PDB file of N, CA and C in Angstrom:
ATOM      1  N   MET A   1     -67.851  56.180-171.925  1.00  0.00           N
ATOM      2  CA  MET A   1     -68.086  55.747-173.297  1.00  0.00           C
ATOM      3  C   MET A   1     -67.118  55.080-173.871  1.00  0.00           C
ATOM      4  N   SER A   2     -67.539  53.596-174.257  1.00  0.00           N
ATOM      5  CA  SER A   2     -66.697  52.783-174.939  1.00  0.00           C
ATOM      6  C   SER A   2     -67.267  52.434-175.942  1.00  0.00           C
ATOM      7  N   PHE A   3     -65.486  51.488-176.547  1.00  0.00           N
ATOM      8  CA  PHE A   3     -65.057  51.041-177.580  1.00  0.00           C
ATOM      9  C   PHE A   3     -65.121  50.252-178.102  1.00  0.00           C
ATOM     10  N   VAL A   4     -66.128  49.314-178.283  1.00  0.00           N
ATOM     11  CA  VAL A   4     -67.034  48.286-178.424  1.00  0.00           C
ATOM     12  C   VAL A   4     -66.969  47.908-179.989  1.00  0.00           C
ATOM     13  N   SER A   5     -65.345  46.795-180.676  1.00  0.00           N
ATOM     14  CA  SER A   5     -65.745  46.964-181.966  1.00  0.00           C
ATOM     15  C   SER A   5     -66.608  44.955-181.750  1.00  0.00           C
ATOM     16  N   PHE A   6     -67.200  46.027-183.157  1.00  0.00           N
ATOM     17  CA  PHE A   6     -68.686  44.723-184.079  1.00  0.00           C
ATOM     18  C   PHE A   6     -68.329  44.490-185.325  1.00  0.00           C
ATOM     19  N   PRO A   7     -68.477  43.239-185.417  1.00  0.00           N
ATOM     20  CA  PRO A   7     -68.521  42.702-186.875  1.00  0.00           C
ATOM     21  C   PRO A   7     -67.903  43.743-188.261  1.00  0.00           C
ATOM     22  N   THR A   8     -69.281  44.897-187.774  1.00  0.00           N
ATOM     23  CA  THR A   8     -69.436  45.363-188.983  1.00  0.00           C
ATOM     24  C   THR A   8     -68.342  46.302-188.860  1.00  0.00           C
ATOM     25  N   ASP A   9     -67.539  47.031-188.142  1.00  0.00           N
ATOM     26  CA  ASP A   9     -66.572  48.198-188.316  1.00  0.00           C
ATOM     27  C   ASP A   9     -65.996  48.294-189.350  1.00  0.00           C
ATOM     28  N   PRO A  10     -65.787  48.701-189.805  1.00  0.00           N
ATOM     29  CA  PRO A  10     -65.104  49.381-191.306  1.00  0.00           C
ATOM     30  C   PRO A  10     -63.975  49.692-191.574  1.00  0.00           C
ATOM     31  N   ASN A  11     -63.101  48.991-189.946  1.00  0.00           N
ATOM     32  CA  ASN A  11     -61.491  49.180-189.623  1.00  0.00           C
ATOM     33  C   ASN A  11     -61.516  48.243-189.116  1.00  0.00           C
ATOM     34  N   ILE A  12     -61.751  46.620-189.359  1.00  0.00           N
ATOM     35  CA  ILE A  12     -61.737  45.217-188.783  1.00  0.00           C
ATOM     36  C   ILE A  12     -61.993  44.287-190.204  1.00  0.00           C
ATOM     37  N   MET A  13     -60.561  43.638-190.479  1.00  0.00           N
ATOM     38  CA  MET A  13     -60.508  43.621-192.150  1.00  0.00           C
ATOM     39  C   MET A  13     -61.457  42.112-191.842  1.00  0.00           C
ATOM     40  N   ASN A  14     -61.815  41.100-192.352  1.00  0.00           N
ATOM     41  CA  ASN A  14     -62.469  40.276-192.927  1.00  0.00           C
ATOM     42  C   ASN A  14     -60.962  38.979-193.038  1.00  0.00           C
ATOM     43  N   ASN A  15     -61.643  37.720-193.319  1.00  0.00           N
ATOM     44  CA  ASN A  15     -60.444  36.555-193.564  1.00  0.00           C
ATOM     45  C   ASN A  15     -59.706  37.034-194.836  1.00  0.00           C
ATOM     46  N   GLU A  16     -60.460  36.995-196.083  1.00  0.00           N
ATOM     47  CA  GLU A  16     -60.107  37.317-196.889  1.00  0.00           C
ATOM     48  C   GLU A  16     -59.036  38.194-196.822  1.00  0.00           C
ATOM     49  N   GLN A  17     -58.990  39.755-197.050  1.00  0.00           N
ATOM     50  CA  GLN A  17     -58.612  41.121-196.771  1.00  0.00           C
ATOM     51  C   GLN A  17     -57.290  40.961-195.771  1.00  0.00           C
ATOM     52  N   LEU A  18     -57.321  40.566-194.912  1.00  0.00           N
ATOM     53  CA  LEU A  18     -55.744  39.501-193.257  1.00  0.00           C
ATOM     54  C   LEU A  18     -55.426  39.016-193.940  1.00  0.00           C
ATOM     55  N   ASN A  19     -55.438  37.217-194.855  1.00  0.00           N
ATOM     56  CA  ASN A  19     -54.985  37.043-195.344  1.00  0.00           C
ATOM     57  C   ASN A  19     -54.190  37.420-196.107  1.00  0.00           C
ATOM     58  N   GLN A  20     -54.579  38.512-197.428  1.00  0.00           N
ATOM     59  CA  GLN A  20     -53.993  39.344-198.572  1.00  0.00           C
ATOM     60  C   GLN A  20     -52.894  40.169-197.986  1.00  0.00           C
ATOM     61  N   LEU A  21     -53.112  40.654-196.684  1.00  0.00           N
ATOM     62  CA  LEU A  21     -52.302  41.657-195.786  1.00  0.00           C
ATOM     63  C   LEU A  21     -50.832  40.338-195.456  1.00  0.00           C
ATOM     64  N   LYS A  22     -51.493  39.093-194.913  1.00  0.00           N
ATOM     65  CA  LYS A  22     -50.262  38.154-194.561  1.00  0.00           C
ATOM     66  C   LYS A  22     -49.416  37.587-195.651  1.00  0.00           C
ATOM     67  N   GLU A  23     -49.841  37.918-196.698  1.00  0.00           N
ATOM     68  CA  GLU A  23     -49.159  36.968-198.009  1.00  0.00           C
ATOM     69  C   GLU A  23     -48.278  38.911-199.005  1.00  0.00           C
ATOM     70  N   ASN A  24     -48.980  39.602-198.639  1.00  0.00           N
ATOM     71  CA  ASN A  24     -47.967  40.846-198.976  1.00  0.00           C
ATOM     72  C   ASN A  24     -47.071  41.074-197.930  1.00  0.00           C
ATOM     73  N   TYR A  25     -47.388  40.975-196.887  1.00  0.00           N
ATOM     74  CA  TYR A  25     -45.801  41.325-195.749  1.00  0.00           C
ATOM     75  C   TYR A  25     -44.978  39.677-196.376  1.00  0.00           C
ATOM     76  N   ALA A  26     -44.942  38.817-196.049  1.00  0.00           N
ATOM     77  CA  ALA A  26     -44.843  37.701-196.538  1.00  0.00           C
ATOM     78  C   ALA A  26     -43.816  37.715-197.762  1.00  0.00           C
ATOM     79  N   ASN A  27     -44.195  38.312-198.978  1.00  0.00           N
ATOM     80  CA  ASN A  27     -43.339  39.029-199.912  1.00  0.00           C
ATOM     81  C   ASN A  27     -42.611  39.964-199.803  1.00  0.00           C
ATOM     82  N   MET A  28     -42.857  41.073-198.850  1.00  0.00           N
ATOM     83  CA  MET A  28     -41.672  42.206-198.229  1.00  0.00           C
ATOM     84  C   MET A  28     -40.783  41.272-198.031  1.00  0.00           C
ATOM     85  N   ILE A  29     -40.747  40.570-196.895  1.00  0.00           N
ATOM     86  CA  ILE A  29     -39.745  39.894-196.604  1.00  0.00           C
ATOM     87  C   ILE A  29     -38.877  39.267-197.540  1.00  0.00           C
ATOM     88  N   VAL A  30     -39.462  39.011-197.759  1.00  0.00           N
ATOM     89  CA  VAL A  30     -39.355  37.134-199.035  1.00  0.00           C
ATOM     90  C   VAL A  30     -38.245  38.653-199.741  1.00  0.00           C
ATOM     91  N   GLU A  31     -38.369  39.855-201.145  1.00  0.00           N
ATOM     92  CA  GLU A  31     -38.464  40.350-201.610  1.00  0.00           C
ATOM     93  C   GLU A  31     -36.943  40.918-200.844  1.00  0.00           C
ATOM     94  N   GLY A  32     -36.725  41.328-199.897  1.00  0.00           N
ATOM     95  CA  GLY A  32     -36.004  42.514-198.868  1.00  0.00           C
ATOM     96  C   GLY A  32     -34.933  41.608-198.972  1.00  0.00           C
ATOM     97  N   MET A  33     -34.861  40.516-199.400  1.00  0.00           N
ATOM     98  CA  MET A  33     -33.350  39.244-198.514  1.00  0.00           C
ATOM     99  C   MET A  33     -32.906  38.616-199.750  1.00  0.00           C
ATOM    100  N   ASP A  34     -32.062  38.272-199.245  1.00  0.00           N
ATOM    101  CA  ASP A  34     -30.745  37.815-200.657  1.00  0.00           C
ATOM    102  C   ASP A  34     -31.071  35.822-200.542  1.00  0.00           C
ATOM    103  N   MET A  35     -30.236  35.337-201.062  1.00  0.00           N
ATOM    104  CA  MET A  35     -29.898  33.342-201.503  1.00  0.00           C
ATOM    105  C   MET A  35     -29.357  33.565-199.768  1.00  0.00           C
ATOM    106  N   ASP A  36     -28.767  33.514-199.047  1.00  0.00           N
ATOM    107  CA  ASP A  36     -27.778  33.653-198.530  1.00  0.00           C
ATOM    108  C   ASP A  36     -29.074  33.888-196.886  1.00  0.00           C
ATOM    109  N   ASP A  37     -29.974  35.192-196.803  1.00  0.00           N
ATOM    110  CA  ASP A  37     -31.238  34.873-195.507  1.00  0.00           C
ATOM    111  C   ASP A  37     -31.512  33.526-195.811  1.00  0.00           C
ATOM    112  N   LEU A  38     -32.415  33.253-197.154  1.00  0.00           N
ATOM    113  CA  LEU A  38     -33.649  33.199-197.076  1.00  0.00           C
ATOM    114  C   LEU A  38     -32.470  31.251-196.908  1.00  0.00           C
ATOM    115  N   CYS A  39     -31.857  30.774-197.246  1.00  0.00           N
ATOM    116  CA  CYS A  39     -31.085  29.558-197.416  1.00  0.00           C
ATOM    117  C   CYS A  39     -31.632  29.779-195.374  1.00  0.00           C
ATOM    118  N   GLN A  40     -30.715  30.523-194.819  1.00  0.00           N
ATOM    119  CA  GLN A  40     -30.345  31.153-192.998  1.00  0.00           C
ATOM    120  C   GLN A  40     -31.738  30.965-192.980  1.00  0.00           C
ATOM    121  N   MET A  41     -32.759  31.215-193.015  1.00  0.00           N
ATOM    122  CA  MET A  41     -33.747  30.839-192.100  1.00  0.00           C
ATOM    123  C   MET A  41     -34.606  29.859-193.084  1.00  0.00           C
ATOM    124  N   CYS A  42     -34.773  29.298-193.955  1.00  0.00           N
ATOM    125  CA  CYS A  42     -35.879  27.900-193.684  1.00  0.00           C
ATOM    126  C   CYS A  42     -34.577  26.745-193.252  1.00  0.00           C
ATOM    127  N   PHE A  43     -33.498  26.950-192.850  1.00  0.00           N
ATOM    128  CA  PHE A  43     -32.430  26.289-191.977  1.00  0.00           C
ATOM    129  C   PHE A  43     -32.968  26.699-191.171  1.00  0.00           C
ATOM    130  N   ASP A  44     -33.486  27.477-190.165  1.00  0.00           N
ATOM    131  CA  ASP A  44     -33.730  27.833-188.885  1.00  0.00           C
ATOM    132  C   ASP A  44     -34.958  26.908-188.736  1.00  0.00           C
ATOM    133  N   MET A  45     -36.388  27.348-190.093  1.00  0.00           N
ATOM    134  CA  MET A  45     -37.519  27.132-189.724  1.00  0.00           C
ATOM    135  C   MET A  45     -37.966  25.842-189.772  1.00  0.00           C
ATOM    136  N   LEU A  46     -36.622  25.539-190.012  1.00  0.00           N
ATOM    137  CA  LEU A  46     -37.080  23.365-190.486  1.00  0.00           C
ATOM    138  C   LEU A  46     -36.030  22.741-189.255  1.00  0.00           C
ATOM    139  N   MET A  47     -34.495  23.235-188.311  1.00  0.00           N
ATOM    140  CA  MET A  47     -34.256  22.643-187.466  1.00  0.00           C
ATOM    141  C   MET A  47     -35.730  23.203-186.984  1.00  0.00           C
ATOM    142  N   ASP A  48     -36.587  24.224-186.322  1.00  0.00           N
ATOM    143  CA  ASP A  48     -37.612  24.078-185.512  1.00  0.00           C
ATOM    144  C   ASP A  48     -39.002  23.326-185.247  1.00  0.00           C
ATOM    145  N   ALA A  49     -38.864  23.120-186.894  1.00  0.00           N
ATOM    146  CA  ALA A  49     -39.480  21.897-186.591  1.00  0.00           C
ATOM    147  C   ALA A  49     -40.116  20.936-186.127  1.00  0.00           C
ATOM    148  N   TYR A  50     -38.260  20.622-186.413  1.00  0.00           N
ATOM    149  CA  TYR A  50     -37.698  19.331-186.205  1.00  0.00           C
ATOM    150  C   TYR A  50     -37.534  19.114-184.248  1.00  0.00           C
ATOM    151  N   GLN A  51     -37.298  20.235-183.878  1.00  0.00           N
ATOM    152  CA  GLN A  51     -36.725  20.494-182.592  1.00  0.00           C
ATOM    153  C   GLN A  51     -37.511  19.016-181.084  1.00  0.00           C
ATOM    154  N   ASP A  52     -39.198  19.048-181.186  1.00  0.00           N
ATOM    155  CA  ASP A  52     -39.376  17.549-180.341  1.00  0.00           C
ATOM    156  C   ASP A  52     -39.914  16.729-181.549  1.00  0.00           C
ATOM    157  N   CYS A  53     -39.301  16.729-182.503  1.00  0.00           N
ATOM    158  CA  CYS A  53     -39.143  15.261-183.328  1.00  0.00           C
ATOM    159  C   CYS A  53     -38.224  14.051-182.925  1.00  0.00           C
ATOM    160  N   THR A  54     -39.034  12.898-182.481  1.00  0.00           N
ATOM    161  CA  THR A  54     -38.058  12.207-181.465  1.00  0.00           C
ATOM    162  C   THR A  54     -37.440  11.378-183.498  1.00  0.00           C
ATOM    163  N   GLU A  55     -36.221  10.076-182.573  1.00  0.00           N
ATOM    164  CA  GLU A  55     -35.395  10.058-183.619  1.00  0.00           C
ATOM    165  C   GLU A  55     -36.542   8.786-185.260  1.00  0.00           C
ATOM    166  N   ASP A  56     -37.416   8.257-184.256  1.00  0.00           N
ATOM    167  CA  ASP A  56     -37.533   7.348-185.872  1.00  0.00           C
ATOM    168  C   ASP A  56     -38.423   8.808-185.834  1.00  0.00           C
ATOM    169  N   ASP A  57     -38.750   8.837-185.367  1.00  0.00           N
ATOM    170  CA  ASP A  57     -39.571  10.627-186.665  1.00  0.00           C
ATOM    171  C   ASP A  57     -38.837  10.338-187.712  1.00  0.00           C
ATOM    172  N   ILE A  58     -37.847  11.463-187.364  1.00  0.00           N
ATOM    173  CA  ILE A  58     -36.626  11.902-188.183  1.00  0.00           C
ATOM    174  C   ILE A  58     -36.780  10.311-189.092  1.00  0.00           C
ATOM    175  N   LYS A  59     -36.403   9.373-189.097  1.00  0.00           N
ATOM    176  CA  LYS A  59     -35.962   8.383-189.779  1.00  0.00           C
ATOM    177  C   LYS A  59     -37.203   8.111-189.990  1.00  0.00           C
ATOM    178  N   GLY A  60     -38.343   7.798-189.656  1.00  0.00           N
ATOM    179  CA  GLY A  60     -39.754   7.638-191.016  1.00  0.00           C
ATOM    180  C   GLY A  60     -39.721   8.285-192.094  1.00  0.00           C
ATOM    181  N   GLU A  61     -39.330  10.041-191.104  1.00  0.00           N
ATOM    182  CA  GLU A  61     -39.734  11.163-192.368  1.00  0.00           C
ATOM    183  C   GLU A  61     -38.259  10.953-193.861  1.00  0.00           C
ATOM    184  N   VAL A  62     -37.191  11.398-193.560  1.00  0.00           N
ATOM    185  CA  VAL A  62     -36.303  10.491-194.558  1.00  0.00           C
ATOM    186  C   VAL A  62     -37.169   9.746-195.054  1.00  0.00           C
ATOM    187  N   ILE A  63     -37.302   8.209-194.815  1.00  0.00           N
ATOM    188  CA  ILE A  63     -37.687   7.442-195.181  1.00  0.00           C
ATOM    189  C   ILE A  63     -38.575   7.678-196.356  1.00  0.00           C
ATOM    190  N   GLU A  64     -39.385   8.081-195.902  1.00  0.00           N
ATOM    191  CA  GLU A  64     -40.887   8.344-196.333  1.00  0.00           C
ATOM    192  C   GLU A  64     -41.016   9.309-198.217  1.00  0.00           C
ATOM    193  N   LEU A  65     -39.435  10.537-197.381  1.00  0.00           N
ATOM    194  CA  LEU A  65     -40.079  11.394-198.500  1.00  0.00           C
ATOM    195  C   LEU A  65     -39.247  11.282-199.202  1.00  0.00           C
ATOM    196  N   TYR A  66     -37.588  10.254-199.520  1.00  0.00           N
ATOM    197  CA  TYR A  66     -36.894  10.357-199.738  1.00  0.00           C
ATOM    198  C   TYR A  66     -36.222   8.619-199.834  1.00  0.00           C
ATOM    199  N   ASP A  67     -35.235   7.608-199.290  1.00  0.00           N
ATOM    200  CA  ASP A  67     -35.746   5.878-199.291  1.00  0.00           C
ATOM    201  C   ASP A  67     -34.258   6.309-198.049  1.00  0.00           C
ATOM    202  N   GLU A  68     -34.154   4.401-198.102  1.00  0.00           N
ATOM    203  CA  GLU A  68     -33.516   4.353-196.847  1.00  0.00           C
ATOM    204  C   GLU A  68     -31.515   4.542-197.376  1.00  0.00           C
ATOM    205  N   GLU A  69     -31.730   4.503-198.871  1.00  0.00           N
ATOM    206  CA  GLU A  69     -30.394   4.587-198.891  1.00  0.00           C
ATOM    207  C   GLU A  69     -29.705   6.370-198.487  1.00  0.00           C
ATOM    208  N   MET A  70     -30.610   6.976-199.170  1.00  0.00           N
ATOM    209  CA  MET A  70     -30.710   8.545-198.815  1.00  0.00           C
ATOM    210  C   MET A  70     -30.307   8.661-196.490  1.00  0.00           C
ATOM    211  N   LEU A  71     -30.907   8.532-195.652  1.00  0.00           N
ATOM    212  CA  LEU A  71     -31.775   7.865-194.897  1.00  0.00           C
ATOM    213  C   LEU A  71     -29.836   7.096-194.168  1.00  0.00           C
ATOM    214  N   GLU A  72     -29.381   6.745-194.841  1.00  0.00           N
ATOM    215  CA  GLU A  72     -28.003   6.012-194.205  1.00  0.00           C
ATOM    216  C   GLU A  72     -26.806   6.965-194.891  1.00  0.00           C
ATOM    217  N   SER A  73     -26.930   8.341-195.696  1.00  0.00           N
ATOM    218  CA  SER A  73     -26.489   8.165-196.397  1.00  0.00           C
ATOM    219  C   SER A  73     -26.250   9.662-195.277  1.00  0.00           C
ATOM    220  N   LEU A  74     -27.121  10.173-193.971  1.00  0.00           N
ATOM    221  CA  LEU A  74     -27.344  10.873-193.477  1.00  0.00           C
ATOM    222  C   LEU A  74     -27.386  10.895-192.345  1.00  0.00           C
ATOM    223  N   MET A  75     -26.758   9.698-191.513  1.00  0.00           N
ATOM    224  CA  MET A  75     -26.262   9.398-190.591  1.00  0.00           C
ATOM    225  C   MET A  75     -24.893   9.744-190.092  1.00  0.00           C
ATOM    226  N   PRO A  76     -25.106  10.182-188.925  1.00  0.00           N
ATOM    227  CA  PRO A  76     -23.591  10.926-188.236  1.00  0.00           C
ATOM    228  C   PRO A  76     -22.581   9.263-188.570  1.00  0.00           C
ATOM    229  N   VAL A  77     -21.566   9.931-188.208  1.00  0.00           N
ATOM    230  CA  VAL A  77     -20.421   9.071-188.362  1.00  0.00           C
ATOM    231  C   VAL A  77     -19.992   8.571-186.749  1.00  0.00           C
ATOM    232  N   GLU A  78     -20.293   7.408-186.959  1.00  0.00           N
ATOM    233  CA  GLU A  78     -19.824   6.474-185.579  1.00  0.00           C
ATOM    234  C   GLU A  78     -17.090   7.300-185.106  1.00  0.00           C
TER     235      GLU A  78
END
Protein backbone atom coordinates (compact mmCIF):
# COMPACT_ATOMS: atom_id res chain seq x y z
CA MET A 1 0.00 0.00 0.00
CA SER A 2 1.36 3.39 -0.95
CA PHE A 3 0.71 6.62 0.93
CA VAL A 4 0.92 9.20 -1.83
CA SER A 5 -0.41 12.67 -1.09
CA PHE A 6 -2.42 14.49 -3.68
CA PRO A 7 -3.23 18.22 -3.74
CA THR A 8 -6.79 17.35 -2.67
CA ASP A 9 -5.55 15.72 0.54
CA PRO A 10 -7.31 17.58 3.39
CA ASN A 11 -4.12 17.35 5.49
CA ILE A 12 -2.13 19.48 3.03
CA MET A 13 -2.29 23.24 3.53
CA ASN A 14 -2.76 25.64 0.67
CA ASN A 15 -0.36 28.59 0.33
CA GLU A 16 -2.61 30.93 2.28
CA GLN A 17 -2.92 28.47 5.18
CA LEU A 18 0.84 27.81 5.19
CA ASN A 19 1.58 31.54 5.23
CA GLN A 20 -0.86 32.00 8.13
CA LEU A 21 0.86 29.19 10.06
CA LYS A 22 4.24 30.85 9.44
CA GLU A 23 2.90 34.23 10.62
CA ASN A 24 1.32 32.69 13.72
CA TYR A 25 4.57 30.88 14.56
CA ALA A 26 6.70 34.00 14.03
CA ASN A 27 4.34 36.05 16.20
CA MET A 28 4.49 33.43 18.95
CA ILE A 29 8.31 33.53 18.92
CA VAL A 30 8.45 37.34 18.96
CA GLU A 31 5.86 37.65 21.72
CA GLY A 32 7.95 35.34 23.89
CA MET A 33 11.07 37.50 23.59
CA ASP A 34 12.16 40.47 25.65
CA MET A 35 13.77 43.57 24.12
CA ASP A 36 17.33 42.27 24.61
CA ASP A 37 16.43 39.01 22.82
CA LEU A 38 14.79 40.92 19.96
CA CYS A 39 17.79 43.22 19.56
CA GLN A 40 20.22 40.28 19.58
CA MET A 41 18.14 38.39 17.03
CA CYS A 42 17.97 41.43 14.77
CA PHE A 43 21.73 42.01 15.08
CA ASP A 44 22.47 38.35 14.29
CA MET A 45 20.19 38.38 11.25
CA LEU A 46 21.76 41.58 9.92
CA MET A 47 25.27 40.22 10.40
CA ASP A 48 24.27 37.04 8.57
CA ALA A 49 22.80 39.12 5.74
CA TYR A 50 26.00 41.18 5.42
CA GLN A 51 28.37 38.19 5.74
CA ASP A 52 29.13 37.96 2.02
CA CYS A 53 28.98 41.69 1.23
CA THR A 54 32.06 43.43 -0.05
CA GLU A 55 33.39 46.74 1.23
CA ASP A 56 31.79 48.49 -1.75
CA ASP A 57 28.44 46.77 -1.07
CA ILE A 58 28.33 47.96 2.54
CA LYS A 59 29.56 51.47 1.78
CA GLY A 60 27.05 51.78 -1.05
CA GLU A 61 24.16 50.68 1.14
CA VAL A 62 25.06 53.08 3.94
CA ILE A 63 25.29 55.99 1.49
CA GLU A 64 22.05 54.98 -0.25
CA LEU A 65 20.05 54.60 2.96
CA TYR A 66 21.69 57.38 4.95
CA ASP A 67 24.48 59.58 3.53
CA GLU A 68 28.25 59.96 3.27
CA GLU A 69 28.41 61.66 6.66
CA MET A 70 26.88 58.59 8.28
CA LEU A 71 29.38 56.38 6.44
CA GLU A 72 32.24 58.47 7.78
CA SER A 73 30.89 58.17 11.32
CA LEU A 74 30.74 54.38 11.01
CA MET A 75 34.25 53.91 9.63
CA PRO A 76 36.73 52.18 11.97
CA VAL A 77 39.31 54.41 13.64
CA GLU A 78 42.82 53.76 12.39
